Amino acid sequence: MQASTYAFKGSVGSKLQQRRIWSSFGGLCERSSARRAISFIDRGFYRRSYFGSVSMGAELTRARAGVETMFRSSAKPRSVKAQASDEGIEDGIPTKLQGKSSGSVFAYVGVACLGAILFGYHLGVVNGALEYLSKDLGIAENTALQGWIVSTLLAGATVGSFTGGTLADKFGRTRTFQLDAIPLAVGAFLCATAQSVQTMIIGRLFSGIGIGISSALVPLYISEISPTEIRGALGSINQLFICIGILAALLAGLPLAQNPLWWRTMFGIAVVPSVLMALGMSFSPESPRWLFQQGKTSQAEMAIRTLFGKEKIADVMHDLRESNQSSTEPEAGWFDLFSSRYWKVVSVGLALFFFQQLAGINAVVYYSTSVFRSAGIASDVAASALVGASNVFGTVIASSLMDRQGRKSLLITSFLGMASSMLLLSFSFTWKVLAPYSGTLAVLGTVLYVLSFSLGAGPVPALLLPEIFASRIRAKAVALSLGMHWVSNFVIGLYFLSVVNKYGINTVYLGFATVCALAVLYIAANVVETKGRSLEEIERALNPAV
């Protein structure tokens, strides 16, 4: 095992001399002309891109409001202690859980999650297809163009993420879902029928715009139609469906070995859920919160009846009117986010995504194949399946714990687990006493890291941020935080291998462990618990002046 350990480190060192990163969501594309190498890097990138960006998928724009307010019982909520005061954000005592609604929202959450599935599928589909489409389009030896095909998705997603909230506020949630189906379907069609690399890149750009909008829209819609008592569970379902989309893309690539042209079908499949999402949203109720804000009171009452049952109409409408009266200020501008009034809470959003990306998820997933090979697991598919299964398992656990343990405790537990896993990964290849077990320990460290990430650092920022932002800044603040996710993901992906080449992977792992430890300290001091509170209660606690 010791020999395999040093062989692993040697192979990593030699490969790092040849590689430069092209990132799309942190994707890696090799500057070497070896086709197998570029395929390996892209597979690593896509596994990375999922975990790094899945988190963001949940967050964007719950943008205007906390319709969860709608689920409060008729009893007056208890006061909350958490405040964005000069001393910082403090924890408060959760208000009591709201009574359950008789209406069901699960069918409509399912329709919205088609957007999450498409998000994951478009991220993962190029993983297995790149080698085959490169041959078909005549760019098998051109790693730069392969890198553009992989990373163009990021450019489109960045544009889509910043526009998704604006579109949702202007046209409504369900109509924006239908509009989002257009770039998703067009992008999939262009990629499936591309006869040139230019068409393929344009198709990837359209797909990126579509998933960027989805990243904003899906969590926004789910948050505004979810009862407070299960908001955390339903919010984390978004991440679970992104994971399902990634795994679906992996499975879709299995016939490629027998049919090299199957890659076109892989891209074309994505048209189907795009159309289904558009059709499903034509039968789904609009967000009552958005309808009320637009002055469409009667339509808001109809949506409430559909979502929560007739008996909830009076209570929900009362809360909406109360919310409207307590927050009469106009929507904030971009510069307001940096004012003393909002900066502390906005900085929490930026910091959580910064820590999430700088904690090393991309590195761990990228190196997972080499780590598994050092332990005798030669199959890339097996490695992908093990990492993916760890993430799915962790996400399922997080969904069940989100509303019981709370967001803050899951974040702290997650980053502590990630720090411990990083130390295990680093020591497994540096301590001679562990040399006989290094391969096994490295695999264990990788699995535990991904599991820890999926318990909190992955899903919680996406859920927490729209909860803590005031309604007048929510759309822009979440968009800014999401921008931090995309930009930091891209930058880390772009320079990661260069840093590893200069300092060594063990040193980088120790650096990631330090970042995780710093994240624990920051979260303990600055992040407020939101479980069991409606969005309006959270807003009043964190922004008492509103």
Protein backbone atom coordinates (compact mmCIF):
# COMPACT_ATOMS: atom_id res chain seq x y z
CA MET A 1 0.00 0.00 0.00
CA GLN A 2 2.94 2.30 0.71
CA ALA A 3 4.15 1.93 -2.85
CA SER A 4 0.75 2.77 -4.21
CA THR A 5 0.66 5.81 -1.96
CA TYR A 6 3.87 7.23 -3.37
CA ALA A 7 2.84 6.27 -6.86
CA PHE A 8 -0.33 8.27 -6.34
CA LYS A 9 1.57 11.31 -5.18
CA GLY A 10 4.05 11.00 -8.01
CA SER A 11 1.35 10.70 -10.64
CA VAL A 12 -0.44 13.72 -9.24
CA GLY A 13 2.79 15.71 -9.30
CA SER A 14 3.58 14.83 -12.91
CA LYS A 15 0.05 15.57 -14.08
CA LEU A 16 0.06 18.92 -12.35
CA GLN A 17 3.02 19.97 -14.47
CA GLN A 18 0.91 19.52 -17.59
CA ARG A 19 -2.44 20.93 -16.54
CA ARG A 20 -4.09 24.25 -16.51
CA ILE A 21 -7.62 24.72 -15.38
CA TRP A 22 -10.52 25.81 -17.48
CA SER A 23 -13.42 26.20 -15.18
CA SER A 24 -17.12 26.10 -15.73
CA PHE A 25 -18.44 25.82 -12.24
CA GLY A 26 -14.91 24.99 -11.35
CA GLY A 27 -14.42 22.64 -14.24
CA LEU A 28 -10.97 21.47 -15.17
CA CYS A 29 -9.78 21.11 -18.70
CA GLU A 30 -6.27 19.98 -19.40
CA ARG A 31 -3.83 21.81 -21.63
CA SER A 32 -2.25 18.52 -22.60
CA SER A 33 -3.18 17.01 -25.93
CA ALA A 34 -3.88 13.62 -24.42
CA ARG A 35 -7.56 12.87 -24.95
CA ARG A 36 -7.76 10.50 -22.05
CA ALA A 37 -6.36 13.15 -19.74
CA ILE A 38 -8.90 15.75 -20.81
CA SER A 39 -11.64 13.21 -20.30
CA PHE A 40 -10.38 12.47 -16.81
CA ILE A 41 -10.18 16.13 -15.90
CA ASP A 42 -13.62 16.87 -17.21
CA ARG A 43 -15.10 14.02 -15.24
CA GLY A 44 -13.45 15.45 -12.18
CA PHE A 45 -14.79 18.86 -13.01
CA TYR A 46 -18.31 17.75 -13.37
CA ARG A 47 -18.38 15.85 -10.18
CA ARG A 48 -16.95 18.99 -8.61
CA SER A 49 -19.27 21.33 -10.36
CA TYR A 50 -22.26 19.56 -8.98
CA PHE A 51 -21.22 19.67 -5.36
CA GLY A 52 -19.96 23.22 -5.54
CA SER A 53 -22.96 24.59 -7.25
CA VAL A 54 -25.67 22.40 -5.95
CA SER A 55 -25.59 24.45 -2.88
CA MET A 56 -26.39 27.54 -4.73
CA GLY A 57 -29.23 25.96 -6.43
CA ALA A 58 -31.36 26.38 -3.45
CA GLU A 59 -30.97 29.90 -2.80
CA LEU A 60 -31.74 32.65 -5.04
CA THR A 61 -34.41 34.89 -4.83
CA ARG A 62 -36.88 33.85 -2.49
CA ALA A 63 -36.68 37.19 -3.62
CA ARG A 64 -39.33 39.09 -2.19
CA ALA A 65 -40.88 37.52 0.59
CA GLY A 66 -41.65 35.20 3.16
CA VAL A 67 -44.86 33.74 2.40
CA GLU A 68 -44.07 31.33 5.10
CA THR A 69 -45.58 34.05 7.17
CA MET A 70 -48.74 32.62 5.81
CA PHE A 71 -48.53 29.63 7.99
CA ARG A 72 -48.52 31.31 11.33
CA SER A 73 -51.20 30.32 13.75
CA SER A 74 -53.69 32.87 14.96
CA ALA A 75 -51.73 33.17 18.20
CA LYS A 76 -49.31 36.05 18.28
CA PRO A 77 -45.72 35.02 17.73
CA ARG A 78 -43.29 35.31 20.54
CA SER A 79 -40.69 37.98 20.23
CA VAL A 80 -37.38 36.98 18.76
CA LYS A 81 -34.11 37.92 20.24
CA ALA A 82 -31.98 37.80 17.13
CA GLN A 83 -31.09 41.24 15.85
CA ALA A 84 -28.68 42.70 13.37
CA SER A 85 -27.48 45.07 16.02
CA ASP A 86 -24.22 46.92 16.26
CA GLU A 87 -22.84 43.98 18.19
CA GLY A 88 -23.68 41.55 15.39
CA ILE A 89 -26.29 38.92 14.78
CA GLU A 90 -27.39 36.98 17.82
CA ASP A 91 -29.32 33.81 18.20
CA GLY A 92 -32.87 34.09 19.32
CA ILE A 93 -35.48 31.79 20.71
CA PRO A 94 -37.52 30.14 17.96
CA THR A 95 -41.16 30.90 17.88
CA LYS A 96 -43.54 28.02 18.16
CA LEU A 97 -44.23 25.92 15.13
CA GLN A 98 -47.18 26.85 13.05
CA GLY A 99 -50.24 24.71 12.59
CA LYS A 100 -50.30 22.53 9.55
CA SER A 101 -52.28 23.53 6.49
CA SER A 102 -54.88 21.24 5.07
CA GLY A 103 -53.87 21.99 1.52
CA SER A 104 -51.02 20.10 -0.15
CA VAL A 105 -48.05 21.75 -1.84
CA PHE A 106 -46.07 18.65 -2.71
CA ALA A 107 -47.36 18.30 -6.26
CA TYR A 108 -46.38 21.87 -7.07
CA VAL A 109 -43.00 21.48 -5.40
CA GLY A 110 -42.52 18.45 -7.64
CA VAL A 111 -43.22 20.49 -10.76
CA ALA A 112 -40.78 23.18 -9.61
CA CYS A 113 -38.13 20.53 -8.95
CA LEU A 114 -38.10 19.68 -12.66
CA GLY A 115 -36.02 22.86 -12.84
CA ALA A 116 -33.65 21.42 -10.23
CA ILE A 117 -33.34 18.16 -12.15
CA LEU A 118 -32.51 20.12 -15.32
CA PHE A 119 -29.99 22.13 -13.33
CA GLY A 120 -28.15 18.97 -12.33
CA TYR A 121 -28.55 17.24 -15.67
CA HIS A 122 -27.08 20.10 -17.71
CA LEU A 123 -24.16 20.24 -15.30
CA GLY A 124 -23.40 16.56 -15.57
CA VAL A 125 -24.29 15.65 -19.14
CA VAL A 126 -21.00 16.79 -20.65
CA ASN A 127 -19.02 14.61 -18.24
CA GLY A 128 -19.36 11.41 -20.22
CA ALA A 129 -20.15 13.02 -23.56
CA LEU A 130 -17.13 15.31 -24.00
CA GLU A 131 -14.75 12.72 -25.38
CA TYR A 132 -17.27 11.50 -27.96
CA LEU A 133 -18.63 14.87 -29.04
CA SER A 134 -15.03 16.11 -29.39
CA LYS A 135 -14.31 13.35 -31.88
CA ASP A 136 -17.58 13.98 -33.72
CA LEU A 137 -16.98 17.74 -33.98
CA GLY A 138 -13.31 17.38 -34.88
CA ILE A 139 -11.79 18.96 -31.77
CA ALA A 140 -10.41 15.81 -30.12
CA GLU A 141 -6.91 17.34 -29.98
CA ASN A 142 -8.03 20.87 -29.11
CA THR A 143 -8.31 20.99 -25.33
CA ALA A 144 -8.91 24.74 -25.35
CA LEU A 145 -12.16 24.38 -27.32
CA GLN A 146 -13.15 21.46 -25.14
CA GLY A 147 -12.62 23.74 -22.18
CA TRP A 148 -14.91 26.34 -23.74
CA ILE A 149 -17.64 23.74 -24.21
CA VAL A 150 -17.36 22.80 -20.56
CA SER A 151 -17.01 26.29 -19.10
CA THR A 152 -19.41 28.30 -21.27
CA LEU A 153 -22.17 26.96 -19.06
CA LEU A 154 -20.77 29.10 -16.23
CA ALA A 155 -20.98 32.33 -18.21
CA GLY A 156 -24.61 31.68 -19.04
CA ALA A 157 -25.42 30.62 -15.48
CA THR A 158 -23.93 33.84 -14.11
CA VAL A 159 -26.16 35.91 -16.38
CA GLY A 160 -29.19 33.77 -15.57
CA SER A 161 -28.62 33.89 -11.82
CA PHE A 162 -28.63 37.69 -11.77
CA THR A 163 -31.72 37.96 -13.96
CA GLY A 164 -33.83 35.19 -12.44
CA GLY A 165 -34.99 37.20 -9.45
CA THR A 166 -35.80 40.25 -11.53
CA LEU A 167 -37.87 38.20 -13.96
CA ALA A 168 -39.69 36.49 -11.10
CA ASP A 169 -40.59 39.83 -9.54
CA LYS A 170 -41.76 41.31 -12.83
CA PHE A 171 -43.67 38.43 -14.42
CA GLY A 172 -44.46 36.21 -11.46
CA ARG A 173 -43.00 32.88 -10.42
CA THR A 174 -44.96 30.49 -12.60
CA ARG A 175 -44.69 32.62 -15.75
CA THR A 176 -40.93 32.90 -15.25
CA PHE A 177 -40.72 29.11 -14.99
CA GLN A 178 -42.38 28.94 -18.40
CA LEU A 179 -40.00 31.54 -19.81
CA ASP A 180 -37.06 29.63 -18.33
CA ALA A 181 -38.09 26.52 -20.25
CA ILE A 182 -37.21 28.35 -23.49
CA PRO A 183 -33.40 28.65 -23.02
CA LEU A 184 -33.30 25.23 -21.36
CA ALA A 185 -35.04 23.54 -24.29
CA VAL A 186 -33.30 25.62 -26.99
CA GLY A 187 -29.90 24.97 -25.43
CA ALA A 188 -30.51 21.23 -25.25
CA PHE A 189 -31.74 21.15 -28.86
CA LEU A 190 -28.76 23.12 -30.19
CA CYS A 191 -26.31 20.86 -28.38
CA ALA A 192 -28.04 17.71 -29.61
CA THR A 193 -28.05 18.83 -33.24
CA ALA A 194 -24.73 20.73 -33.32
CA GLN A 195 -22.61 20.19 -36.40
CA SER A 196 -19.94 22.67 -35.32
CA VAL A 197 -18.23 23.63 -32.10
CA GLN A 198 -19.67 27.15 -32.39
CA THR A 199 -23.23 25.80 -32.28
CA MET A 200 -22.34 23.58 -29.35
CA ILE A 201 -20.93 26.52 -27.39
CA ILE A 202 -24.03 28.63 -28.13
CA GLY A 203 -26.21 25.75 -26.96
CA ARG A 204 -24.23 25.46 -23.74
CA LEU A 205 -24.59 29.22 -23.23
CA PHE A 206 -28.38 28.99 -23.54
CA SER A 207 -28.44 26.03 -21.19
CA GLY A 208 -26.33 27.98 -18.71
CA ILE A 209 -28.76 30.91 -18.78
CA GLY A 210 -31.57 28.46 -18.14
CA ILE A 211 -29.95 26.77 -15.14
CA GLY A 212 -28.93 30.16 -13.76
CA ILE A 213 -32.56 31.26 -13.77
CA SER A 214 -33.57 27.91 -12.27
CA SER A 215 -31.07 28.35 -9.47
CA ALA A 216 -32.94 31.52 -8.50
CA LEU A 217 -36.45 30.45 -9.27
CA VAL A 218 -36.85 26.96 -7.82
CA PRO A 219 -35.92 27.83 -4.21
CA LEU A 220 -37.85 31.10 -4.44
CA TYR A 221 -41.08 29.40 -5.47
CA ILE A 222 -40.66 26.53 -3.02
CA SER A 223 -40.01 28.89 -0.12
CA GLU A 224 -43.08 30.97 -0.88
CA ILE A 225 -45.47 28.03 -1.01
CA SER A 226 -43.97 25.94 1.83
CA PRO A 227 -45.40 25.81 5.36
CA THR A 228 -42.93 27.10 7.94
CA GLU A 229 -42.77 23.79 9.80
CA ILE A 230 -41.44 21.93 6.74
CA ARG A 231 -39.76 24.79 4.88
CA GLY A 232 -36.29 23.44 5.64
CA ALA A 233 -37.11 19.94 4.42
CA LEU A 234 -38.74 21.17 1.22
CA GLY A 235 -35.92 23.65 0.64
CA SER A 236 -33.29 20.91 0.85
CA ILE A 237 -35.28 18.79 -1.60
CA ASN A 238 -34.06 21.23 -4.24
CA GLN A 239 -30.50 20.06 -3.69
CA LEU A 240 -31.58 16.43 -3.68
CA PHE A 241 -33.17 16.81 -7.11
CA ILE A 242 -30.08 18.54 -8.46
CA CYS A 243 -28.15 15.49 -7.29
CA ILE A 244 -30.67 13.25 -9.02
CA GLY A 245 -30.15 15.24 -12.20
CA ILE A 246 -26.40 14.72 -11.99
CA LEU A 247 -26.80 10.98 -11.46
CA ALA A 248 -29.31 10.82 -14.31
CA ALA A 249 -26.70 12.39 -16.58
CA LEU A 250 -24.15 9.82 -15.44
CA LEU A 251 -26.52 6.95 -16.17
CA ALA A 252 -27.48 8.49 -19.50
CA GLY A 253 -23.86 8.14 -20.61
CA LEU A 254 -23.67 4.37 -20.11
CA PRO A 255 -24.60 3.47 -23.75
CA LEU A 256 -21.76 5.66 -25.12
CA ALA A 257 -19.27 2.80 -25.26
CA GLN A 258 -21.52 0.88 -27.66
CA ASN A 259 -22.89 3.89 -29.54
CA PRO A 260 -20.46 6.84 -29.88
CA LEU A 261 -23.22 9.06 -31.33
CA TRP A 262 -25.37 8.55 -28.25
CA TRP A 263 -24.04 11.86 -26.91
CA ARG A 264 -26.57 13.68 -29.10
CA THR A 265 -29.43 11.78 -27.48
CA MET A 266 -28.00 12.60 -24.05
CA PHE A 267 -28.32 16.32 -24.73
CA GLY A 268 -31.66 15.97 -26.51
CA ILE A 269 -33.27 14.18 -23.55
CA ALA A 270 -33.19 17.45 -21.61
CA VAL A 271 -35.85 18.94 -23.91
CA VAL A 272 -38.51 16.66 -22.39
CA PRO A 273 -38.42 17.87 -18.75
CA SER A 274 -38.17 21.46 -20.02
CA VAL A 275 -41.48 21.08 -21.85
CA LEU A 276 -43.04 19.24 -18.90
CA MET A 277 -41.99 22.03 -16.56
CA ALA A 278 -43.60 24.67 -18.77
CA LEU A 279 -46.81 22.64 -19.03
CA GLY A 280 -46.87 21.84 -15.31
CA MET A 281 -46.51 25.48 -14.36
CA SER A 282 -49.56 26.36 -16.43
CA PHE A 283 -51.56 24.33 -13.88
CA SER A 284 -49.63 25.43 -10.77
CA PRO A 285 -50.78 28.28 -8.52
CA GLU A 286 -48.88 31.53 -8.47
CA SER A 287 -47.20 32.60 -5.25
CA PRO A 288 -49.88 34.23 -3.07
CA ARG A 289 -47.26 36.61 -1.76
CA TRP A 290 -46.40 37.89 -5.23
CA LEU A 291 -50.07 38.18 -6.20
CA PHE A 292 -50.84 40.20 -3.09
CA GLN A 293 -47.90 42.52 -3.73
CA GLN A 294 -49.25 43.13 -7.21
CA GLY A 295 -52.66 44.08 -5.77
CA LYS A 296 -54.33 40.92 -7.11
CA THR A 297 -56.17 40.11 -3.89
CA SER A 298 -58.83 37.82 -5.30
CA GLN A 299 -56.26 35.78 -7.21
CA ALA A 300 -54.12 35.56 -4.07
CA GLU A 301 -57.10 34.11 -2.19
CA MET A 302 -57.63 31.52 -4.92
CA ALA A 303 -53.96 30.51 -4.75
CA ILE A 304 -54.18 30.21 -0.96
CA ARG A 305 -57.22 27.97 -1.29
CA THR A 306 -55.38 25.72 -3.76
CA LEU A 307 -52.20 25.53 -1.71
CA PHE A 308 -53.34 25.52 1.89
CA GLY A 309 -57.08 24.91 1.97
CA LYS A 310 -60.13 27.15 2.32
CA GLU A 311 -59.84 27.44 6.09
CA LYS A 312 -56.45 29.17 5.79
CA ILE A 313 -57.57 32.04 3.55
CA ALA A 314 -58.50 34.45 6.33
CA ASP A 315 -55.35 33.85 8.39
CA VAL A 316 -53.01 34.07 5.42
CA MET A 317 -54.60 37.22 4.04
CA HIS A 318 -54.40 38.81 7.49
CA ASP A 319 -50.68 38.06 7.66
CA LEU A 320 -50.10 39.39 4.16
CA ARG A 321 -51.86 42.65 5.00
CA GLU A 322 -49.91 42.93 8.24
CA SER A 323 -46.67 42.32 6.38
CA ASN A 324 -47.55 44.91 3.76
CA GLN A 325 -48.31 47.52 6.41
CA SER A 326 -45.14 46.85 8.38
CA SER A 327 -42.88 47.21 5.36
CA THR A 328 -43.90 50.13 3.21
CA GLU A 329 -40.45 51.14 2.03
CA PRO A 330 -39.65 50.86 -1.69
CA GLU A 331 -37.44 48.09 -2.96
CA ALA A 332 -33.78 48.71 -2.18
CA GLY A 333 -31.15 49.57 -4.76
CA TRP A 334 -27.86 47.76 -5.19
CA PHE A 335 -25.92 50.35 -3.17
CA ASP A 336 -28.31 49.90 -0.24
CA LEU A 337 -26.86 46.43 0.27
CA PHE A 338 -23.60 48.03 1.41
CA SER A 339 -25.22 50.48 3.82
CA SER A 340 -24.65 50.14 7.56
CA ARG A 341 -28.26 49.06 7.93
CA TYR A 342 -27.93 45.91 5.79
CA TRP A 343 -24.25 45.19 5.33
CA LYS A 344 -23.88 42.91 8.36
CA VAL A 345 -26.56 40.51 7.19
CA VAL A 346 -25.49 40.77 3.54
CA SER A 347 -21.91 39.99 4.53
CA VAL A 348 -23.16 36.75 6.13
CA GLY A 349 -24.50 35.64 2.77
CA LEU A 350 -21.27 36.47 0.98
CA ALA A 351 -19.16 34.80 3.67
CA LEU A 352 -21.13 31.55 3.71
CA PHE A 353 -20.66 31.03 -0.02
CA PHE A 354 -17.04 32.11 0.18
CA PHE A 355 -16.35 29.56 2.93
CA GLN A 356 -18.36 26.94 1.06
CA GLN A 357 -16.19 27.22 -2.03
CA LEU A 358 -12.87 27.80 -0.27
CA ALA A 359 -13.43 24.76 1.97
CA GLY A 360 -12.17 22.45 -0.78
CA ILE A 361 -15.18 20.58 -2.16
CA ASN A 362 -13.92 20.98 -5.72
CA ALA A 363 -10.48 19.67 -4.80
CA VAL A 364 -11.78 16.63 -2.96
CA VAL A 365 -14.12 15.56 -5.73
CA TYR A 366 -11.51 16.23 -8.42
CA TYR A 367 -8.91 14.08 -6.68
CA SER A 368 -11.40 11.39 -5.67
CA THR A 369 -10.61 9.27 -8.74
CA SER A 370 -6.86 9.27 -8.00
CA VAL A 371 -7.49 8.64 -4.32
CA PHE A 372 -9.72 5.68 -5.09
CA ARG A 373 -7.21 4.28 -7.56
CA SER A 374 -4.53 4.42 -4.86
CA ALA A 375 -6.80 2.19 -2.79
CA GLY A 376 -7.31 -0.27 -5.65
CA ILE A 377 -10.63 1.10 -6.96
CA ALA A 378 -9.77 1.54 -10.63
CA SER A 379 -13.26 2.19 -12.01
CA ASP A 380 -14.09 5.86 -12.52
CA VAL A 381 -17.78 4.93 -12.54
CA ALA A 382 -17.41 3.23 -9.17
CA ALA A 383 -15.63 6.29 -7.79
CA SER A 384 -18.34 8.59 -9.12
CA ALA A 385 -21.05 6.33 -7.75
CA LEU A 386 -19.46 6.23 -4.29
CA VAL A 387 -19.05 10.00 -4.11
CA GLY A 388 -22.55 10.55 -5.52
CA ALA A 389 -24.10 8.07 -3.13
CA SER A 390 -22.41 9.79 -0.20
CA ASN A 391 -23.86 13.10 -1.29
CA VAL A 392 -27.37 11.70 -1.80
CA PHE A 393 -27.26 9.99 1.59
CA GLY A 394 -26.07 13.16 3.32
CA THR A 395 -28.71 15.26 1.58
CA VAL A 396 -31.49 12.91 2.66
CA ILE A 397 -30.26 13.10 6.25
CA ALA A 398 -30.03 16.90 6.04
CA SER A 399 -33.61 17.08 4.78
CA SER A 400 -34.84 15.18 7.81
CA LEU A 401 -32.80 17.24 10.27
CA MET A 402 -33.17 20.73 8.82
CA ASP A 403 -36.32 21.63 10.73
CA ARG A 404 -35.41 19.69 13.88
CA GLN A 405 -31.75 20.49 14.49
CA GLY A 406 -31.76 23.86 12.80
CA ARG A 407 -29.67 25.48 10.09
CA LYS A 408 -26.90 26.85 12.30
CA SER A 409 -26.14 23.60 14.11
CA LEU A 410 -26.01 21.70 10.81
CA LEU A 411 -23.58 24.26 9.39
CA ILE A 412 -21.27 23.97 12.38
CA THR A 413 -21.43 20.16 12.39
CA SER A 414 -20.81 20.10 8.64
CA PHE A 415 -17.72 22.32 8.67
CA LEU A 416 -16.29 20.46 11.68
CA GLY A 417 -16.70 17.19 9.81
CA MET A 418 -15.12 18.67 6.70
CA ALA A 419 -12.14 19.98 8.70
CA SER A 420 -11.60 16.56 10.29
CA SER A 421 -11.88 14.84 6.91
CA MET A 422 -9.34 17.22 5.37
CA LEU A 423 -6.88 16.48 8.16
CA LEU A 424 -7.40 12.74 7.60
CA LEU A 425 -6.77 13.16 3.88
CA SER A 426 -3.61 15.14 4.46
CA PHE A 427 -2.17 12.89 7.16
CA SER A 428 -2.96 9.71 5.23
CA PHE A 429 -0.30 10.69 2.67
CA THR A 430 2.26 12.33 4.95
CA TRP A 431 2.49 10.30 8.15
CA LYS A 432 4.72 7.30 7.62
CA VAL A 433 3.06 5.40 10.43
CA LEU A 434 -0.18 5.50 8.43
CA ALA A 435 1.47 4.44 5.16
CA PRO A 436 0.14 0.83 5.23
CA TYR A 437 -3.39 2.15 5.52
CA SER A 438 -3.04 5.34 3.48
CA GLY A 439 -5.25 4.29 0.57
CA THR A 440 -8.08 3.12 2.80
CA LEU A 441 -7.84 6.22 4.99
CA ALA A 442 -7.84 8.51 1.95
CA VAL A 443 -11.01 6.90 0.62
CA LEU A 444 -12.59 7.16 4.07
CA GLY A 445 -11.58 10.83 4.30
CA THR A 446 -13.04 11.58 0.87
CA VAL A 447 -16.37 9.89 1.61
CA LEU A 448 -16.65 11.51 5.04
CA TYR A 449 -15.85 14.91 3.56
CA VAL A 450 -18.55 14.68 0.89
CA LEU A 451 -21.00 13.35 3.46
CA SER A 452 -20.19 16.22 5.84
CA PHE A 453 -20.51 18.76 3.04
CA SER A 454 -23.93 17.49 2.03
CA LEU A 455 -25.16 17.68 5.64
CA GLY A 456 -24.82 21.44 5.93
CA ALA A 457 -22.28 23.40 3.92
CA GLY A 458 -23.95 22.32 0.69
CA PRO A 459 -27.68 22.82 1.28
CA VAL A 460 -27.92 25.26 4.19
CA PRO A 461 -26.56 28.50 2.64
CA ALA A 462 -29.04 28.10 -0.19
CA LEU A 463 -31.89 27.81 2.30
CA LEU A 464 -30.71 30.19 5.01
CA LEU A 465 -29.90 33.33 3.04
CA PRO A 466 -33.34 34.03 1.58
CA GLU A 467 -34.65 33.58 5.13
CA ILE A 468 -32.43 36.21 6.75
CA PHE A 469 -32.63 38.94 4.09
CA ALA A 470 -35.30 41.62 4.48
CA SER A 471 -37.97 41.60 1.79
CA ARG A 472 -36.87 44.91 0.27
CA ILE A 473 -33.31 43.64 -0.29
CA ARG A 474 -34.00 39.91 -0.64
CA ALA A 475 -33.84 39.59 -4.43
CA LYS A 476 -30.67 41.64 -4.84
CA ALA A 477 -28.93 40.33 -1.71
CA VAL A 478 -29.45 36.70 -2.69
CA ALA A 479 -28.35 37.49 -6.24
CA LEU A 480 -25.18 39.09 -4.89
CA SER A 481 -24.48 36.09 -2.66
CA LEU A 482 -25.13 33.75 -5.55
CA GLY A 483 -22.73 35.80 -7.65
CA MET A 484 -20.10 35.19 -4.98
CA HIS A 485 -20.75 31.47 -5.38
CA TRP A 486 -20.27 31.47 -9.14
CA VAL A 487 -17.27 33.80 -9.16
CA SER A 488 -15.42 32.06 -6.33
CA ASN A 489 -16.17 28.68 -7.87
CA PHE A 490 -14.72 29.86 -11.16
CA VAL A 491 -11.61 31.49 -9.65
CA ILE A 492 -10.83 28.53 -7.40
CA GLY A 493 -11.26 26.17 -10.33
CA LEU A 494 -9.06 28.36 -12.50
CA TYR A 495 -6.09 28.51 -10.13
CA PHE A 496 -6.45 25.40 -8.03
CA LEU A 497 -4.00 23.17 -9.88
CA SER A 498 -1.43 25.94 -10.08
CA VAL A 499 -1.54 26.31 -6.30
CA VAL A 500 -1.29 22.54 -5.85
CA ASN A 501 1.66 22.45 -8.22
CA LYS A 502 3.45 25.12 -6.19
CA TYR A 503 2.67 24.04 -2.62
CA GLY A 504 1.64 20.37 -2.89
CA ILE A 505 -1.73 18.74 -2.31
CA ASN A 506 -1.06 17.94 1.35
CA THR A 507 -0.40 21.59 2.16
CA VAL A 508 -3.50 22.60 0.24
CA TYR A 509 -5.57 20.07 2.19
CA LEU A 510 -4.28 21.56 5.45
CA GLY A 511 -5.22 24.99 4.14
CA PHE A 512 -8.75 23.77 3.43
CA ALA A 513 -8.98 22.33 6.96
CA THR A 514 -8.00 25.75 8.33
CA VAL A 515 -10.70 27.43 6.25
CA CYS A 516 -13.29 24.97 7.62
CA ALA A 517 -12.19 25.74 11.17
CA LEU A 518 -12.47 29.49 10.52
CA ALA A 519 -15.93 28.92 9.06
CA VAL A 520 -17.03 27.24 12.30
CA LEU A 521 -15.89 30.26 14.33
CA TYR A 522 -17.56 32.70 11.94
CA ILE A 523 -20.86 30.81 11.89
CA ALA A 524 -20.93 30.50 15.69
CA ALA A 525 -20.51 34.25 16.04
CA ASN A 526 -22.57 35.63 13.15
CA VAL A 527 -25.22 33.23 11.84
CA VAL A 528 -28.73 33.37 13.28
CA GLU A 529 -30.98 30.33 13.70
CA THR A 530 -34.16 30.50 11.60
CA LYS A 531 -35.92 27.18 12.16
CA GLY A 532 -39.55 27.46 13.16
CA ARG A 533 -39.91 31.11 12.21
CA SER A 534 -41.82 32.64 9.38
CA LEU A 535 -39.91 34.88 7.01
CA GLU A 536 -41.72 37.91 8.36
CA GLU A 537 -40.75 37.07 11.95
CA ILE A 538 -37.13 36.68 10.89
CA GLU A 539 -37.26 39.95 9.00
CA ARG A 540 -38.65 41.85 11.98
CA ALA A 541 -35.99 40.34 14.25
CA LEU A 542 -33.02 41.11 12.00
CA ASN A 543 -34.29 44.43 10.69
CA PRO A 544 -36.28 46.05 13.51
CA ALA A 545 -36.31 49.39 11.72
CA VAL A 546 -38.31 47.99 8.80
